[in-house]
Structure formats: C-alpha cells, structure tokens
Amino acid sequence: MMHNTSFYDPISTTKQQRDFLLAVCRLLVGILFIFSGLIKANDPTGFGYKLQEYFHCL
C-alpha cells in the first residue's frame, strides 16, 4: 500500500519533534561543556586546588 505524503502523518511529525529535541539537547550539552572549559581555563590555579581536594577525598 502506498502512503500519500501530502496528508498529515503523525509518525513523521513525532520523528521530527524527536530529532528537534535531540538537536536542542546536543546544543545545550555542547554549550555546557564549552562554558565549563572556559571557567576552568580562566582560573587554572583554583581548578588545581579543587582537583587536589577531590583526590584527597578518594
């Protein structure tokens, strides 16, 4: 049976919504990692102290 793509197709809309949500999540995670890296690069001494505290607790 042939599907007519000119009509509303809830399956493709759901896939489009999922793909959009996935793209937004990827963008947000990417921004988070970039922001975190910039913060660490801005204060390497403070980041070193935090690493020492972390490894001391292990």
Protein backbone atom coordinates (compact mmCIF):
# COMPACT_ATOMS: atom_id res chain seq x y z
CA MET A 1 0.00 0.00 0.00
CA MET A 2 1.39 3.39 -0.99
CA HIS A 3 1.39 6.23 1.52
CA ASN A 4 0.43 9.67 0.39
CA THR A 5 2.91 12.13 1.90
CA SER A 6 0.69 15.15 1.29
CA PHE A 7 -1.54 14.24 4.24
CA TYR A 8 -0.72 14.72 7.91
CA ASP A 9 1.49 11.88 9.08
CA PRO A 10 1.74 11.70 12.91
CA ILE A 11 4.67 9.27 12.77
CA SER A 12 6.90 11.61 10.75
CA THR A 13 5.85 14.56 12.93
CA THR A 14 6.83 12.63 16.03
CA LYS A 15 10.19 11.79 14.44
CA GLN A 16 10.67 15.45 13.52
CA GLN A 17 9.89 16.50 17.08
CA ARG A 18 12.28 13.89 18.46
CA ASP A 19 15.03 14.99 16.08
CA PHE A 20 14.47 18.63 17.05
CA LEU A 21 14.57 17.79 20.76
CA LEU A 22 17.75 15.76 20.22
CA ALA A 23 19.38 18.67 18.39
CA VAL A 24 18.45 21.08 21.20
CA CYS A 25 19.82 18.69 23.84
CA ARG A 26 23.06 18.29 21.91
CA LEU A 27 23.38 22.05 21.62
CA LEU A 28 22.78 22.58 25.34
CA VAL A 29 25.29 19.89 26.35
CA GLY A 30 27.85 21.39 23.97
CA ILE A 31 27.33 24.86 25.43
CA LEU A 32 27.65 23.41 28.94
CA PHE A 33 30.99 21.75 28.14
CA ILE A 34 32.34 24.89 26.45
CA PHE A 35 31.26 27.05 29.40
CA SER A 36 32.79 24.62 31.89
CA GLY A 37 36.07 24.55 29.97
CA LEU A 38 36.20 28.34 29.81
CA ILE A 39 35.66 28.61 33.56
CA LYS A 40 38.46 26.12 34.22
CA ALA A 41 40.78 27.86 31.75
CA ASN A 42 40.08 31.22 33.37
CA ASP A 43 41.28 30.06 36.82
CA PRO A 44 43.69 27.11 36.46
CA THR A 45 45.07 27.55 40.00
CA GLY A 46 41.62 27.34 41.57
CA PHE A 47 40.81 24.35 39.39
CA GLY A 48 44.02 22.69 40.57
CA TYR A 49 43.02 23.24 44.21
CA LYS A 50 39.61 21.68 43.53
CA LEU A 51 41.28 18.67 41.93
CA GLN A 52 43.57 18.29 44.95
CA GLU A 53 40.56 18.40 47.29
CA TYR A 54 38.76 15.84 45.15
CA PHE A 55 41.67 13.40 45.01
CA HIS A 56 42.37 13.90 48.72
CA CYS A 57 38.84 12.65 49.49
CA LEU A 58 39.35 9.49 47.45
